[in-house]
Amino acid sequence: MEEKIIFEKIEKEVELFGYSKDPSHDFYHILRVVKLSLFLQKKECGNKLVIGTSALLHDLHQALA
């Protein structure tokens, strides 16, 4: 499966999951982190799928608490 499709599927699941009601850690926060992470990924030549997915899931622990 193509990286873009995998990333989009994970992104949709994360959005549906809900995360925090706190606006500083809502879904838009996650999108800001993803944007910054992918900017850095381009500069440093990291694995786009790993970095993007990590950014999407970085606050998952808060949703599970």
C-alpha atoms as a PDB file:
ATOM      1  CA  MET A   1       0.000   0.000   0.000  1.00  0.00           C
ATOM      2  CA  GLU A   2       1.296   3.427  -0.892  1.00  0.00           C
ATOM      3  CA  GLU A   3       2.651   5.553   1.979  1.00  0.00           C
ATOM      4  CA  LYS A   4       0.209   8.396   1.308  1.00  0.00           C
ATOM      5  CA  ILE A   5      -2.785   6.068   1.527  1.00  0.00           C
ATOM      6  CA  ILE A   6      -1.513   4.513   4.767  1.00  0.00           C
ATOM      7  CA  PHE A   7      -0.929   7.947   6.289  1.00  0.00           C
ATOM      8  CA  GLU A   8      -4.379   9.201   5.236  1.00  0.00           C
ATOM      9  CA  LYS A   9      -6.073   6.146   6.767  1.00  0.00           C
ATOM     10  CA  ILE A  10      -4.244   6.623  10.064  1.00  0.00           C
ATOM     11  CA  GLU A  11      -5.073  10.348  10.018  1.00  0.00           C
ATOM     12  CA  LYS A  12      -8.798   9.602   9.570  1.00  0.00           C
ATOM     13  CA  GLU A  13      -8.754   7.126  12.456  1.00  0.00           C
ATOM     14  CA  VAL A  14      -6.967   9.614  14.711  1.00  0.00           C
ATOM     15  CA  GLU A  15      -9.512  12.312  13.869  1.00  0.00           C
ATOM     16  CA  LEU A  16     -12.403   9.964  14.691  1.00  0.00           C
ATOM     17  CA  PHE A  17     -10.774   8.895  17.950  1.00  0.00           C
ATOM     18  CA  GLY A  18     -11.486  12.274  19.492  1.00  0.00           C
ATOM     19  CA  TYR A  19      -8.439  12.998  21.598  1.00  0.00           C
ATOM     20  CA  SER A  20      -8.686  15.784  24.143  1.00  0.00           C
ATOM     21  CA  LYS A  21     -11.371  18.387  24.717  1.00  0.00           C
ATOM     22  CA  ASP A  22      -8.544  20.732  25.692  1.00  0.00           C
ATOM     23  CA  PRO A  23      -7.985  22.993  22.642  1.00  0.00           C
ATOM     24  CA  SER A  24      -4.245  22.950  23.184  1.00  0.00           C
ATOM     25  CA  HIS A  25      -4.289  19.179  22.542  1.00  0.00           C
ATOM     26  CA  ASP A  26      -7.154  18.715  20.112  1.00  0.00           C
ATOM     27  CA  PHE A  27      -6.973  17.327  16.573  1.00  0.00           C
ATOM     28  CA  TYR A  28      -5.745  20.675  15.221  1.00  0.00           C
ATOM     29  CA  HIS A  29      -2.800  20.478  17.619  1.00  0.00           C
ATOM     30  CA  ILE A  30      -1.975  17.099  16.117  1.00  0.00           C
ATOM     31  CA  LEU A  31      -2.150  18.547  12.600  1.00  0.00           C
ATOM     32  CA  ARG A  32       0.232  21.339  13.644  1.00  0.00           C
ATOM     33  CA  VAL A  33       2.671  18.782  15.028  1.00  0.00           C
ATOM     34  CA  VAL A  34       2.406  16.730  11.818  1.00  0.00           C
ATOM     35  CA  LYS A  35       3.063  19.816   9.697  1.00  0.00           C
ATOM     36  CA  LEU A  36       6.149  20.739  11.705  1.00  0.00           C
ATOM     37  CA  SER A  37       7.384  17.138  11.770  1.00  0.00           C
ATOM     38  CA  LEU A  38       7.089  16.770   8.000  1.00  0.00           C
ATOM     39  CA  PHE A  39       8.863  20.101   7.496  1.00  0.00           C
ATOM     40  CA  LEU A  40      11.769  18.804   9.593  1.00  0.00           C
ATOM     41  CA  GLN A  41      11.625  15.446   7.816  1.00  0.00           C
ATOM     42  CA  LYS A  42      12.230  17.165   4.484  1.00  0.00           C
ATOM     43  CA  LYS A  43      15.219  19.062   5.897  1.00  0.00           C
ATOM     44  CA  GLU A  44      16.769  16.019   7.596  1.00  0.00           C
ATOM     45  CA  CYS A  45      15.739  13.313   5.064  1.00  0.00           C
ATOM     46  CA  GLY A  46      14.008  11.016   7.556  1.00  0.00           C
ATOM     47  CA  ASN A  47      11.406   8.361   6.845  1.00  0.00           C
ATOM     48  CA  LYS A  48       8.244  10.290   6.021  1.00  0.00           C
ATOM     49  CA  LEU A  49       5.795   7.549   6.989  1.00  0.00           C
ATOM     50  CA  VAL A  50       7.465   6.843  10.338  1.00  0.00           C
ATOM     51  CA  ILE A  51       7.799  10.520  11.268  1.00  0.00           C
ATOM     52  CA  GLY A  52       4.302  11.464  10.099  1.00  0.00           C
ATOM     53  CA  THR A  53       2.690   8.512  11.865  1.00  0.00           C
ATOM     54  CA  SER A  54       4.630   9.232  15.047  1.00  0.00           C
ATOM     55  CA  ALA A  55       3.419  12.822  14.958  1.00  0.00           C
ATOM     56  CA  LEU A  56      -0.181  11.691  14.470  1.00  0.00           C
ATOM     57  CA  LEU A  57      -0.007   9.346  17.436  1.00  0.00           C
ATOM     58  CA  HIS A  58       2.190  11.385  19.779  1.00  0.00           C
ATOM     59  CA  ASP A  59      -0.664  12.309  22.178  1.00  0.00           C
ATOM     60  CA  LEU A  60      -2.565   9.022  22.027  1.00  0.00           C
ATOM     61  CA  HIS A  61      -1.765   8.361  25.693  1.00  0.00           C
ATOM     62  CA  GLN A  62      -3.895  11.377  26.674  1.00  0.00           C
ATOM     63  CA  ALA A  63      -6.924  10.004  24.857  1.00  0.00           C
ATOM     64  CA  LEU A  64      -6.532   6.648  26.588  1.00  0.00           C
ATOM     65  CA  ALA A  65      -6.212   8.081  30.093  1.00  0.00           C
END
